[in-house]
Amino acid sequence: SSRVMANEIMQRWEPKAKIVINGNYETGSSIRFYIDQQILLLNGRNPVMEFGSRYPDAPPIFLNDEDMRSLWHGSNRIFLFTENPKKQELLKNLAMPVILVADKGGKSLFMNKP
């Protein structure tokens, strides 16, 4: 469960904030259960979601590294959730400052603004 992470997000939530899951949606899908907000996916076009993600009416929830950097440096608070084995590569590829919010159960949560 990602309940602990969801609680951390809700304590820091503000209007226009965004939640991003790095990789497969399934790794943090329970965040959506606890928080009634849209989830964005960074590099989340896995074989299961690939086909539907290309439909013309698919919501714009799939981000690449460039999209993420732009979002991260914008004016809104962004929460970034990742599995720890993917953490170092993620931070290296994005090359952006992060604030660690939580590290629990093999998963980490970062945000872009205090």
PDB file of N, CA and C in Angstrom:
ATOM      1  N   SER A   1       0.835  -1.193   0.000  1.00  0.00           N
ATOM      2  CA  SER A   1       0.000   0.000   0.000  1.00  0.00           C
ATOM      3  C   SER A   1       0.875   1.249   0.000  1.00  0.00           C
ATOM      4  N   SER A   2       0.367   2.272  -0.614  1.00  0.00           N
ATOM      5  CA  SER A   2       1.052   3.560  -0.638  1.00  0.00           C
ATOM      6  C   SER A   2       0.349   4.566   0.265  1.00  0.00           C
ATOM      7  N   ARG A   3      -0.334   4.067   1.254  1.00  0.00           N
ATOM      8  CA  ARG A   3      -1.098   4.939   2.152  1.00  0.00           C
ATOM      9  C   ARG A   3      -0.212   5.959   2.854  1.00  0.00           C
ATOM     10  N   VAL A   4       0.955   5.541   3.303  1.00  0.00           N
ATOM     11  CA  VAL A   4       1.873   6.464   3.976  1.00  0.00           C
ATOM     12  C   VAL A   4       2.248   7.604   3.033  1.00  0.00           C
ATOM     13  N   MET A   5       2.546   7.265   1.791  1.00  0.00           N
ATOM     14  CA  MET A   5       2.915   8.287   0.804  1.00  0.00           C
ATOM     15  C   MET A   5       1.728   9.215   0.533  1.00  0.00           C
ATOM     16  N   ALA A   6       0.552   8.635   0.418  1.00  0.00           N
ATOM     17  CA  ALA A   6      -0.652   9.443   0.185  1.00  0.00           C
ATOM     18  C   ALA A   6      -0.874  10.417   1.344  1.00  0.00           C
ATOM     19  N   ASN A   7      -0.664   9.965   2.561  1.00  0.00           N
ATOM     20  CA  ASN A   7      -0.809  10.849   3.725  1.00  0.00           C
ATOM     21  C   ASN A   7       0.200  11.993   3.687  1.00  0.00           C
ATOM     22  N   GLU A   8       1.423  11.683   3.277  1.00  0.00           N
ATOM     23  CA  GLU A   8       2.450  12.720   3.157  1.00  0.00           C
ATOM     24  C   GLU A   8       2.046  13.759   2.111  1.00  0.00           C
ATOM     25  N   ILE A   9       1.491  13.294   1.011  1.00  0.00           N
ATOM     26  CA  ILE A   9       1.040  14.218  -0.034  1.00  0.00           C
ATOM     27  C   ILE A   9      -0.087  15.096   0.494  1.00  0.00           C
ATOM     28  N   MET A  10      -1.065  14.492   1.147  1.00  0.00           N
ATOM     29  CA  MET A  10      -2.220  15.256   1.622  1.00  0.00           C
ATOM     30  C   MET A  10      -1.831  16.306   2.660  1.00  0.00           C
ATOM     31  N   GLN A  11      -0.808  16.040   3.454  1.00  0.00           N
ATOM     32  CA  GLN A  11      -0.341  17.030   4.430  1.00  0.00           C
ATOM     33  C   GLN A  11       0.255  18.261   3.751  1.00  0.00           C
ATOM     34  N   ARG A  12       0.725  18.084   2.520  1.00  0.00           N
ATOM     35  CA  ARG A  12       1.398  19.168   1.803  1.00  0.00           C
ATOM     36  C   ARG A  12       0.604  19.650   0.588  1.00  0.00           C
ATOM     37  N   TRP A  13      -0.585  19.128   0.413  1.00  0.00           N
ATOM     38  CA  TRP A  13      -1.378  19.421  -0.795  1.00  0.00           C
ATOM     39  C   TRP A  13      -1.740  20.900  -0.863  1.00  0.00           C
ATOM     40  N   GLU A  14      -1.748  21.419  -2.069  1.00  0.00           N
ATOM     41  CA  GLU A  14      -2.210  22.777  -2.324  1.00  0.00           C
ATOM     42  C   GLU A  14      -2.897  22.793  -3.682  1.00  0.00           C
ATOM     43  N   PRO A  15      -3.742  23.801  -3.927  1.00  0.00           N
ATOM     44  CA  PRO A  15      -4.423  23.857  -5.224  1.00  0.00           C
ATOM     45  C   PRO A  15      -3.417  23.825  -6.381  1.00  0.00           C
ATOM     46  N   LYS A  16      -3.779  23.131  -7.430  1.00  0.00           N
ATOM     47  CA  LYS A  16      -2.983  22.980  -8.666  1.00  0.00           C
ATOM     48  C   LYS A  16      -1.775  22.070  -8.516  1.00  0.00           C
ATOM     49  N   ALA A  17      -1.619  21.422  -7.375  1.00  0.00           N
ATOM     50  CA  ALA A  17      -0.529  20.458  -7.222  1.00  0.00           C
ATOM     51  C   ALA A  17      -0.762  19.274  -8.150  1.00  0.00           C
ATOM     52  N   LYS A  18       0.301  18.574  -8.484  1.00  0.00           N
ATOM     53  CA  LYS A  18       0.239  17.405  -9.369  1.00  0.00           C
ATOM     54  C   LYS A  18       0.991  16.250  -8.715  1.00  0.00           C
ATOM     55  N   ILE A  19       0.528  15.040  -9.044  1.00  0.00           N
ATOM     56  CA  ILE A  19       1.188  13.818  -8.577  1.00  0.00           C
ATOM     57  C   ILE A  19       1.695  13.063  -9.790  1.00  0.00           C
ATOM     58  N   VAL A  20       2.957  12.673  -9.763  1.00  0.00           N
ATOM     59  CA  VAL A  20       3.574  11.939 -10.864  1.00  0.00           C
ATOM     60  C   VAL A  20       4.129  10.628 -10.322  1.00  0.00           C
ATOM     61  N   ILE A  21       3.820   9.536 -11.005  1.00  0.00           N
ATOM     62  CA  ILE A  21       4.404   8.234 -10.689  1.00  0.00           C
ATOM     63  C   ILE A  21       5.447   7.937 -11.752  1.00  0.00           C
ATOM     64  N   ASN A  22       6.640   7.586 -11.322  1.00  0.00           N
ATOM     65  CA  ASN A  22       7.705   7.208 -12.245  1.00  0.00           C
ATOM     66  C   ASN A  22       7.541   5.738 -12.625  1.00  0.00           C
ATOM     67  N   GLY A  23       7.353   5.473 -13.910  1.00  0.00           N
ATOM     68  CA  GLY A  23       7.248   4.092 -14.389  1.00  0.00           C
ATOM     69  C   GLY A  23       5.831   3.576 -14.390  1.00  0.00           C
ATOM     70  N   ASN A  24       5.679   2.321 -14.037  1.00  0.00           N
ATOM     71  CA  ASN A  24       4.383   1.651 -14.101  1.00  0.00           C
ATOM     72  C   ASN A  24       3.392   2.215 -13.088  1.00  0.00           C
ATOM     73  N   TYR A  25       2.203   2.466 -13.538  1.00  0.00           N
ATOM     74  CA  TYR A  25       1.125   2.970 -12.688  1.00  0.00           C
ATOM     75  C   TYR A  25       0.895   2.069 -11.480  1.00  0.00           C
ATOM     76  N   GLU A  26       1.023   0.782 -11.690  1.00  0.00           N
ATOM     77  CA  GLU A  26       0.734  -0.191 -10.639  1.00  0.00           C
ATOM     78  C   GLU A  26       1.606  -0.017  -9.401  1.00  0.00           C
ATOM     79  N   THR A  27       2.792   0.566  -9.555  1.00  0.00           N
ATOM     80  CA  THR A  27       3.693   0.708  -8.403  1.00  0.00           C
ATOM     81  C   THR A  27       3.151   1.678  -7.363  1.00  0.00           C
ATOM     82  N   GLY A  28       2.297   2.594  -7.786  1.00  0.00           N
ATOM     83  CA  GLY A  28       1.742   3.564  -6.849  1.00  0.00           C
ATOM     84  C   GLY A  28       0.260   3.781  -7.032  1.00  0.00           C
ATOM     85  N   SER A  29      -0.404   2.817  -7.627  1.00  0.00           N
ATOM     86  CA  SER A  29      -1.825   2.993  -7.949  1.00  0.00           C
ATOM     87  C   SER A  29      -2.699   3.242  -6.727  1.00  0.00           C
ATOM     88  N   SER A  30      -2.294   2.758  -5.572  1.00  0.00           N
ATOM     89  CA  SER A  30      -3.135   2.976  -4.394  1.00  0.00           C
ATOM     90  C   SER A  30      -3.103   4.443  -3.947  1.00  0.00           C
ATOM     91  N   ILE A  31      -2.154   5.223  -4.424  1.00  0.00           N
ATOM     92  CA  ILE A  31      -2.178   6.659  -4.137  1.00  0.00           C
ATOM     93  C   ILE A  31      -3.484   7.245  -4.668  1.00  0.00           C
ATOM     94  N   ARG A  32      -3.861   6.814  -5.847  1.00  0.00           N
ATOM     95  CA  ARG A  32      -5.120   7.291  -6.452  1.00  0.00           C
ATOM     96  C   ARG A  32      -6.322   6.890  -5.604  1.00  0.00           C
ATOM     97  N   PHE A  33      -6.246   5.747  -4.965  1.00  0.00           N
ATOM     98  CA  PHE A  33      -7.322   5.285  -4.096  1.00  0.00           C
ATOM     99  C   PHE A  33      -7.496   6.234  -2.906  1.00  0.00           C
ATOM    100  N   TYR A  34      -6.390   6.664  -2.323  1.00  0.00           N
ATOM    101  CA  TYR A  34      -6.436   7.509  -1.141  1.00  0.00           C
ATOM    102  C   TYR A  34      -6.614   8.993  -1.450  1.00  0.00           C
ATOM    103  N   ILE A  35      -6.166   9.410  -2.614  1.00  0.00           N
ATOM    104  CA  ILE A  35      -6.236  10.820  -3.005  1.00  0.00           C
ATOM    105  C   ILE A  35      -7.035  10.914  -4.300  1.00  0.00           C
ATOM    106  N   ASP A  36      -8.097  11.648  -4.275  1.00  0.00           N
ATOM    107  CA  ASP A  36      -8.964  11.773  -5.441  1.00  0.00           C
ATOM    108  C   ASP A  36      -8.425  12.852  -6.387  1.00  0.00           C
ATOM    109  N   GLN A  37      -7.269  12.568  -6.968  1.00  0.00           N
ATOM    110  CA  GLN A  37      -6.627  13.480  -7.911  1.00  0.00           C
ATOM    111  C   GLN A  37      -6.074  12.680  -9.090  1.00  0.00           C
ATOM    112  N   GLN A  38      -5.992  13.331 -10.227  1.00  0.00           N
ATOM    113  CA  GLN A  38      -5.414  12.680 -11.399  1.00  0.00           C
ATOM    114  C   GLN A  38      -3.941  12.372 -11.147  1.00  0.00           C
ATOM    115  N   ILE A  39      -3.505  11.240 -11.649  1.00  0.00           N
ATOM    116  CA  ILE A  39      -2.110  10.822 -11.555  1.00  0.00           C
ATOM    117  C   ILE A  39      -1.471  10.944 -12.939  1.00  0.00           C
ATOM    118  N   LEU A  40      -0.301  11.545 -12.999  1.00  0.00           N
ATOM    119  CA  LEU A  40       0.480  11.619 -14.229  1.00  0.00           C
ATOM    120  C   LEU A  40       1.529  10.516 -14.193  1.00  0.00           C
ATOM    121  N   LEU A  41       1.937  10.039 -15.361  1.00  0.00           N
ATOM    122  CA  LEU A  41       2.904   8.942 -15.435  1.00  0.00           C
ATOM    123  C   LEU A  41       4.150   9.375 -16.198  1.00  0.00           C
ATOM    124  N   LEU A  42       5.275   9.293 -15.531  1.00  0.00           N
ATOM    125  CA  LEU A  42       6.567   9.566 -16.153  1.00  0.00           C
ATOM    126  C   LEU A  42       7.114   8.257 -16.688  1.00  0.00           C
ATOM    127  N   ASN A  43       7.357   8.210 -17.983  1.00  0.00           N
ATOM    128  CA  ASN A  43       7.847   6.988 -18.636  1.00  0.00           C
ATOM    129  C   ASN A  43       6.944   5.799 -18.309  1.00  0.00           C
ATOM    130  N   GLY A  44       5.642   6.024 -18.350  1.00  0.00           N
ATOM    131  CA  GLY A  44       4.674   5.013 -17.947  1.00  0.00           C
ATOM    132  C   GLY A  44       3.960   4.309 -19.083  1.00  0.00           C
ATOM    133  N   ARG A  45       4.437   4.466 -20.286  1.00  0.00           N
ATOM    134  CA  ARG A  45       3.810   3.777 -21.421  1.00  0.00           C
ATOM    135  C   ARG A  45       4.362   2.358 -21.513  1.00  0.00           C
ATOM    136  N   ASN A  46       3.942   1.521 -20.590  1.00  0.00           N
ATOM    137  CA  ASN A  46       4.370   0.125 -20.618  1.00  0.00           C
ATOM    138  C   ASN A  46       3.472  -0.651 -21.580  1.00  0.00           C
ATOM    139  N   PRO A  47       3.769  -1.906 -21.850  1.00  0.00           N
ATOM    140  CA  PRO A  47       2.965  -2.669 -22.818  1.00  0.00           C
ATOM    141  C   PRO A  47       1.469  -2.702 -22.507  1.00  0.00           C
ATOM    142  N   VAL A  48       1.105  -2.658 -21.248  1.00  0.00           N
ATOM    143  CA  VAL A  48      -0.310  -2.714 -20.888  1.00  0.00           C
ATOM    144  C   VAL A  48      -1.028  -1.420 -21.272  1.00  0.00           C
ATOM    145  N   MET A  49      -0.382  -0.281 -21.099  1.00  0.00           N
ATOM    146  CA  MET A  49      -1.028   1.010 -21.331  1.00  0.00           C
ATOM    147  C   MET A  49      -0.689   1.632 -22.684  1.00  0.00           C
ATOM    148  N   GLU A  50       0.267   1.102 -23.373  1.00  0.00           N
ATOM    149  CA  GLU A  50       0.746   1.689 -24.625  1.00  0.00           C
ATOM    150  C   GLU A  50      -0.369   1.908 -25.642  1.00  0.00           C
ATOM    151  N   PHE A  51      -1.141   0.884 -25.910  1.00  0.00           N
ATOM    152  CA  PHE A  51      -2.150   0.964 -26.962  1.00  0.00           C
ATOM    153  C   PHE A  51      -3.157   2.074 -26.688  1.00  0.00           C
ATOM    154  N   GLY A  52      -3.762   2.063 -25.524  1.00  0.00           N
ATOM    155  CA  GLY A  52      -4.774   3.058 -25.193  1.00  0.00           C
ATOM    156  C   GLY A  52      -4.221   4.458 -25.056  1.00  0.00           C
ATOM    157  N   SER A  53      -2.946   4.575 -24.713  1.00  0.00           N
ATOM    158  CA  SER A  53      -2.349   5.894 -24.526  1.00  0.00           C
ATOM    159  C   SER A  53      -2.212   6.661 -25.832  1.00  0.00           C
ATOM    160  N   ARG A  54      -2.343   5.973 -26.951  1.00  0.00           N
ATOM    161  CA  ARG A  54      -2.184   6.611 -28.267  1.00  0.00           C
ATOM    162  C   ARG A  54      -3.517   7.040 -28.888  1.00  0.00           C
ATOM    163  N   TYR A  55      -4.620   6.747 -28.240  1.00  0.00           N
ATOM    164  CA  TYR A  55      -5.926   7.167 -28.768  1.00  0.00           C
ATOM    165  C   TYR A  55      -6.001   8.694 -28.770  1.00  0.00           C
ATOM    166  N   PRO A  56      -6.680   9.257 -29.764  1.00  0.00           N
ATOM    167  CA  PRO A  56      -6.786  10.723 -29.827  1.00  0.00           C
ATOM    168  C   PRO A  56      -7.462  11.338 -28.596  1.00  0.00           C
ATOM    169  N   ASP A  57      -8.360  10.598 -27.964  1.00  0.00           N
ATOM    170  CA  ASP A  57      -9.068  11.144 -26.808  1.00  0.00           C
ATOM    171  C   ASP A  57      -8.457  10.715 -25.469  1.00  0.00           C
ATOM    172  N   ALA A  58      -7.273  10.104 -25.504  1.00  0.00           N
ATOM    173  CA  ALA A  58      -6.598   9.704 -24.261  1.00  0.00           C
ATOM    174  C   ALA A  58      -6.183  10.958 -23.490  1.00  0.00           C
ATOM    175  N   PRO A  59      -6.358  10.949 -22.169  1.00  0.00           N
ATOM    176  CA  PRO A  59      -5.949  12.131 -21.398  1.00  0.00           C
ATOM    177  C   PRO A  59      -4.435  12.317 -21.459  1.00  0.00           C
ATOM    178  N   PRO A  60      -3.981  13.546 -21.390  1.00  0.00           N
ATOM    179  CA  PRO A  60      -2.535  13.835 -21.489  1.00  0.00           C
ATOM    180  C   PRO A  60      -1.813  13.576 -20.164  1.00  0.00           C
ATOM    181  N   ILE A  61      -1.732  12.324 -19.781  1.00  0.00           N
ATOM    182  CA  ILE A  61      -1.122  11.978 -18.493  1.00  0.00           C
ATOM    183  C   ILE A  61       0.270  11.364 -18.636  1.00  0.00           C
ATOM    184  N   PHE A  62       0.696  11.087 -19.853  1.00  0.00           N
ATOM    185  CA  PHE A  62       1.976  10.409 -20.074  1.00  0.00           C
ATOM    186  C   PHE A  62       3.073  11.440 -20.327  1.00  0.00           C
ATOM    187  N   LEU A  63       4.084  11.440 -19.471  1.00  0.00           N
ATOM    188  CA  LEU A  63       5.173  12.409 -19.543  1.00  0.00           C
ATOM    189  C   LEU A  63       6.483  11.727 -19.907  1.00  0.00           C
ATOM    190  N   ASN A  64       7.329  12.466 -20.610  1.00  0.00           N
ATOM    191  CA  ASN A  64       8.702  12.007 -20.821  1.00  0.00           C
ATOM    192  C   ASN A  64       9.598  12.881 -19.934  1.00  0.00           C
ATOM    193  N   ASP A  65      10.896  12.658 -19.980  1.00  0.00           N
ATOM    194  CA  ASP A  65      11.811  13.394 -19.101  1.00  0.00           C
ATOM    195  C   ASP A  65      11.737  14.905 -19.331  1.00  0.00           C
ATOM    196  N   GLU A  66      11.630  15.322 -20.580  1.00  0.00           N
ATOM    197  CA  GLU A  66      11.557  16.756 -20.892  1.00  0.00           C
ATOM    198  C   GLU A  66      10.274  17.377 -20.329  1.00  0.00           C
ATOM    199  N   ASP A  67       9.148  16.670 -20.497  1.00  0.00           N
ATOM    200  CA  ASP A  67       7.885  17.143 -19.920  1.00  0.00           C
ATOM    201  C   ASP A  67       8.018  17.296 -18.410  1.00  0.00           C
ATOM    202  N   MET A  68       8.667  16.330 -17.786  1.00  0.00           N
ATOM    203  CA  MET A  68       8.808  16.329 -16.333  1.00  0.00           C
ATOM    204  C   MET A  68       9.654  17.499 -15.866  1.00  0.00           C
ATOM    205  N   ARG A  69      10.754  17.764 -16.543  1.00  0.00           N
ATOM    206  CA  ARG A  69      11.606  18.891 -16.162  1.00  0.00           C
ATOM    207  C   ARG A  69      10.828  20.205 -16.256  1.00  0.00           C
ATOM    208  N   SER A  70      10.047  20.357 -17.294  1.00  0.00           N
ATOM    209  CA  SER A  70       9.246  21.565 -17.476  1.00  0.00           C
ATOM    210  C   SER A  70       8.210  21.712 -16.356  1.00  0.00           C
ATOM    211  N   LEU A  71       7.524  20.629 -16.059  1.00  0.00           N
ATOM    212  CA  LEU A  71       6.525  20.625 -14.993  1.00  0.00           C
ATOM    213  C   LEU A  71       7.184  20.930 -13.646  1.00  0.00           C
ATOM    214  N   TRP A  72       8.324  20.296 -13.401  1.00  0.00           N
ATOM    215  CA  TRP A  72       9.035  20.430 -12.127  1.00  0.00           C
ATOM    216  C   TRP A  72       9.463  21.872 -11.865  1.00  0.00           C
ATOM    217  N   HIS A  73       9.850  22.580 -12.908  1.00  0.00           N
ATOM    218  CA  HIS A  73      10.335  23.952 -12.756  1.00  0.00           C
ATOM    219  C   HIS A  73       9.220  24.981 -12.886  1.00  0.00           C
ATOM    220  N   GLY A  74       7.988  24.513 -13.033  1.00  0.00           N
ATOM    221  CA  GLY A  74       6.844  25.417 -13.118  1.00  0.00           C
ATOM    222  C   GLY A  74       6.460  25.971 -11.759  1.00  0.00           C
ATOM    223  N   SER A  75       5.323  26.625 -11.709  1.00  0.00           N
ATOM    224  CA  SER A  75       4.900  27.308 -10.485  1.00  0.00           C
ATOM    225  C   SER A  75       4.113  26.419  -9.522  1.00  0.00           C
ATOM    226  N   ASN A  76       3.678  25.250  -9.963  1.00  0.00           N
ATOM    227  CA  ASN A  76       2.871  24.373  -9.116  1.00  0.00           C
ATOM    228  C   ASN A  76       3.722  23.380  -8.332  1.00  0.00           C
ATOM    229  N   ARG A  77       3.216  22.967  -7.172  1.00  0.00           N
ATOM    230  CA  ARG A  77       3.889  21.935  -6.385  1.00  0.00           C
ATOM    231  C   ARG A  77       3.687  20.592  -7.090  1.00  0.00           C
ATOM    232  N   ILE A  78       4.779  19.848  -7.226  1.00  0.00           N
ATOM    233  CA  ILE A  78       4.756  18.542  -7.885  1.00  0.00           C
ATOM    234  C   ILE A  78       5.281  17.500  -6.910  1.00  0.00           C
ATOM    235  N   PHE A  79       4.562  16.382  -6.822  1.00  0.00           N
ATOM    236  CA  PHE A  79       4.987  15.237  -6.037  1.00  0.00           C
ATOM    237  C   PHE A  79       5.412  14.150  -7.014  1.00  0.00           C
ATOM    238  N   LEU A  80       6.572  13.569  -6.780  1.00  0.00           N
ATOM    239  CA  LEU A  80       7.128  12.534  -7.658  1.00  0.00           C
ATOM    240  C   LEU A  80       7.372  11.270  -6.844  1.00  0.00           C
ATOM    241  N   PHE A  81       6.689  10.210  -7.226  1.00  0.00           N
ATOM    242  CA  PHE A  81       6.736   8.928  -6.529  1.00  0.00           C
ATOM    243  C   PHE A  81       7.517   7.932  -7.380  1.00  0.00           C
ATOM    244  N   THR A  82       8.446   7.207  -6.766  1.00  0.00           N
ATOM    245  CA  THR A  82       9.233   6.223  -7.510  1.00  0.00           C
ATOM    246  C   THR A  82       9.626   5.043  -6.623  1.00  0.00           C
ATOM    247  N   GLU A  83       9.851   3.920  -7.256  1.00  0.00           N
ATOM    248  CA  GLU A  83      10.424   2.774  -6.557  1.00  0.00           C
ATOM    249  C   GLU A  83      11.909   3.055  -6.360  1.00  0.00           C
ATOM    250  N   ASN A  84      12.465   2.645  -5.225  1.00  0.00           N
ATOM    251  CA  ASN A  84      13.860   2.951  -4.936  1.00  0.00           C
ATOM    252  C   ASN A  84      14.862   2.373  -5.938  1.00  0.00           C
ATOM    253  N   PRO A  85      14.653   1.169  -6.494  1.00  0.00           N
ATOM    254  CA  PRO A  85      15.623   0.707  -7.491  1.00  0.00           C
ATOM    255  C   PRO A  85      15.709   1.609  -8.731  1.00  0.00           C
ATOM    256  N   LYS A  86      14.694   2.413  -8.976  1.00  0.00           N
ATOM    257  CA  LYS A  86      14.679   3.329 -10.129  1.00  0.00           C
ATOM    258  C   LYS A  86      15.084   4.745  -9.741  1.00  0.00           C
ATOM    259  N   LYS A  87      15.293   4.993  -8.461  1.00  0.00           N
ATOM    260  CA  LYS A  87      15.496   6.351  -7.957  1.00  0.00           C
ATOM    261  C   LYS A  87      16.757   7.017  -8.504  1.00  0.00           C
ATOM    262  N   GLN A  88      17.895   6.363  -8.406  1.00  0.00           N
ATOM    263  CA  GLN A  88      19.149   7.005  -8.828  1.00  0.00           C
ATOM    264  C   GLN A  88      19.154   7.338 -10.314  1.00  0.00           C
ATOM    265  N   GLU A  89      18.671   6.411 -11.123  1.00  0.00           N
ATOM    266  CA  GLU A  89      18.613   6.679 -12.569  1.00  0.00           C
ATOM    267  C   GLU A  89      17.650   7.821 -12.867  1.00  0.00           C
ATOM    268  N   LEU A  90      16.523   7.847 -12.188  1.00  0.00           N
ATOM    269  CA  LEU A  90      15.549   8.926 -12.364  1.00  0.00           C
ATOM    270  C   LEU A  90      16.176  10.279 -12.059  1.00  0.00           C
ATOM    271  N   LEU A  91      16.806  10.390 -10.905  1.00  0.00           N
ATOM    272  CA  LEU A  91      17.394  11.659 -10.504  1.00  0.00           C
ATOM    273  C   LEU A  91      18.528  12.076 -11.433  1.00  0.00           C
ATOM    274  N   LYS A  92      19.296  11.113 -11.901  1.00  0.00           N
ATOM    275  CA  LYS A  92      20.382  11.409 -12.841  1.00  0.00           C
ATOM    276  C   LYS A  92      19.828  11.906 -14.172  1.00  0.00           C
ATOM    277  N   ASN A  93      18.813  11.236 -14.704  1.00  0.00           N
ATOM    278  CA  ASN A  93      18.233  11.621 -15.995  1.00  0.00           C
ATOM    279  C   ASN A  93      17.543  12.976 -15.948  1.00  0.00           C
ATOM    280  N   LEU A  94      16.881  13.265 -14.864  1.00  0.00           N
ATOM    281  CA  LEU A  94      16.139  14.518 -14.773  1.00  0.00           C
ATOM    282  C   LEU A  94      17.028  15.693 -14.392  1.00  0.00           C
ATOM    283  N   ALA A  95      18.111  15.425 -13.670  1.00  0.00           N
ATOM    284  CA  ALA A  95      19.075  16.461 -13.277  1.00  0.00           C
ATOM    285  C   ALA A  95      18.370  17.708 -12.745  1.00  0.00           C
ATOM    286  N   MET A  96      17.577  17.533 -11.684  1.00  0.00           N
ATOM    287  CA  MET A  96      16.864  18.653 -11.100  1.00  0.00           C
ATOM    288  C   MET A  96      16.885  18.526  -9.584  1.00  0.00           C
ATOM    289  N   PRO A  97      16.826  19.640  -8.875  1.00  0.00           N
ATOM    290  CA  PRO A  97      16.827  19.571  -7.417  1.00  0.00           C
ATOM    291  C   PRO A  97      15.527  18.961  -6.903  1.00  0.00           C
ATOM    292  N   VAL A  98      15.630  18.158  -5.863  1.00  0.00           N
ATOM    293  CA  VAL A  98      14.448  17.513  -5.291  1.00  0.00           C
ATOM    294  C   VAL A  98      14.477  17.652  -3.774  1.00  0.00           C
ATOM    295  N   ILE A  99      13.306  17.572  -3.190  1.00  0.00           N
ATOM    296  CA  ILE A  99      13.159  17.549  -1.740  1.00  0.00           C
ATOM    297  C   ILE A  99      12.572  16.191  -1.387  1.00  0.00           C
ATOM    298  N   LEU A 100      13.285  15.424  -0.584  1.00  0.00           N
ATOM    299  CA  LEU A 100      12.788  14.117  -0.170  1.00  0.00           C
ATOM    300  C   LEU A 100      11.699  14.320   0.877  1.00  0.00           C
ATOM    301  N   VAL A 101      10.528  13.756   0.601  1.00  0.00           N
ATOM    302  CA  VAL A 101       9.399  13.838   1.526  1.00  0.00           C
ATOM    303  C   VAL A 101       9.332  12.577   2.371  1.00  0.00           C
ATOM    304  N   ALA A 102       9.490  11.423   1.724  1.00  0.00           N
ATOM    305  CA  ALA A 102       9.390  10.148   2.442  1.00  0.00           C
ATOM    306  C   ALA A 102      10.149   9.071   1.683  1.00  0.00           C
ATOM    307  N   ASP A 103      10.662   8.112   2.429  1.00  0.00           N
ATOM    308  CA  ASP A 103      11.338   6.938   1.873  1.00  0.00           C
ATOM    309  C   ASP A 103      10.899   5.762   2.733  1.00  0.00           C
ATOM    310  N   LYS A 104       9.990   4.951   2.197  1.00  0.00           N
ATOM    311  CA  LYS A 104       9.402   3.883   3.007  1.00  0.00           C
ATOM    312  C   LYS A 104       8.978   2.728   2.103  1.00  0.00           C
ATOM    313  N   GLY A 105       9.213   1.508   2.572  1.00  0.00           N
ATOM    314  CA  GLY A 105       8.747   0.337   1.847  1.00  0.00           C
ATOM    315  C   GLY A 105       9.350   0.178   0.469  1.00  0.00           C
ATOM    316  N   GLY A 106      10.583   0.645   0.288  1.00  0.00           N
ATOM    317  CA  GLY A 106      11.241   0.518  -1.004  1.00  0.00           C
ATOM    318  C   GLY A 106      10.774   1.534  -2.031  1.00  0.00           C
ATOM    319  N   LYS A 107      10.108   2.590  -1.568  1.00  0.00           N
ATOM    320  CA  LYS A 107       9.598   3.635  -2.460  1.00  0.00           C
ATOM    321  C   LYS A 107       9.942   4.993  -1.871  1.00  0.00           C
ATOM    322  N   SER A 108      10.092   5.980  -2.751  1.00  0.00           N
ATOM    323  CA  SER A 108      10.418   7.337  -2.312  1.00  0.00           C
ATOM    324  C   SER A 108       9.443   8.326  -2.901  1.00  0.00           C
ATOM    325  N   LEU A 109       9.249   9.412  -2.172  1.00  0.00           N
ATOM    326  CA  LEU A 109       8.398  10.510  -2.603  1.00  0.00           C
ATOM    327  C   LEU A 109       9.192  11.788  -2.513  1.00  0.00           C
ATOM    328  N   PHE A 110       9.225  12.529  -3.621  1.00  0.00           N
ATOM    329  CA  PHE A 110       9.930  13.798  -3.698  1.00  0.00           C
ATOM    330  C   PHE A 110       8.943  14.895  -4.029  1.00  0.00           C
ATOM    331  N   MET A 111       9.333  16.132  -3.753  1.00  0.00           N
ATOM    332  CA  MET A 111       8.577  17.270  -4.228  1.00  0.00           C
ATOM    333  C   MET A 111       9.529  18.349  -4.676  1.00  0.00           C
ATOM    334  N   ASN A 112       9.011  19.289  -5.446  1.00  0.00           N
ATOM    335  CA  ASN A 112       9.856  20.314  -6.047  1.00  0.00           C
ATOM    336  C   ASN A 112       9.945  21.593  -5.246  1.00  0.00           C
ATOM    337  N   LYS A 113       9.020  21.808  -4.297  1.00  0.00           N
ATOM    338  CA  LYS A 113       8.997  23.049  -3.523  1.00  0.00           C
ATOM    339  C   LYS A 113       8.728  22.751  -2.059  1.00  0.00           C
ATOM    340  N   PRO A 114       9.360  23.519  -1.164  1.00  0.00           N
ATOM    341  CA  PRO A 114       9.100  23.302   0.268  1.00  0.00           C
ATOM    342  C   PRO A 114       7.673  23.709   0.650  1.00  0.00           C
TER     343      PRO A 114
END
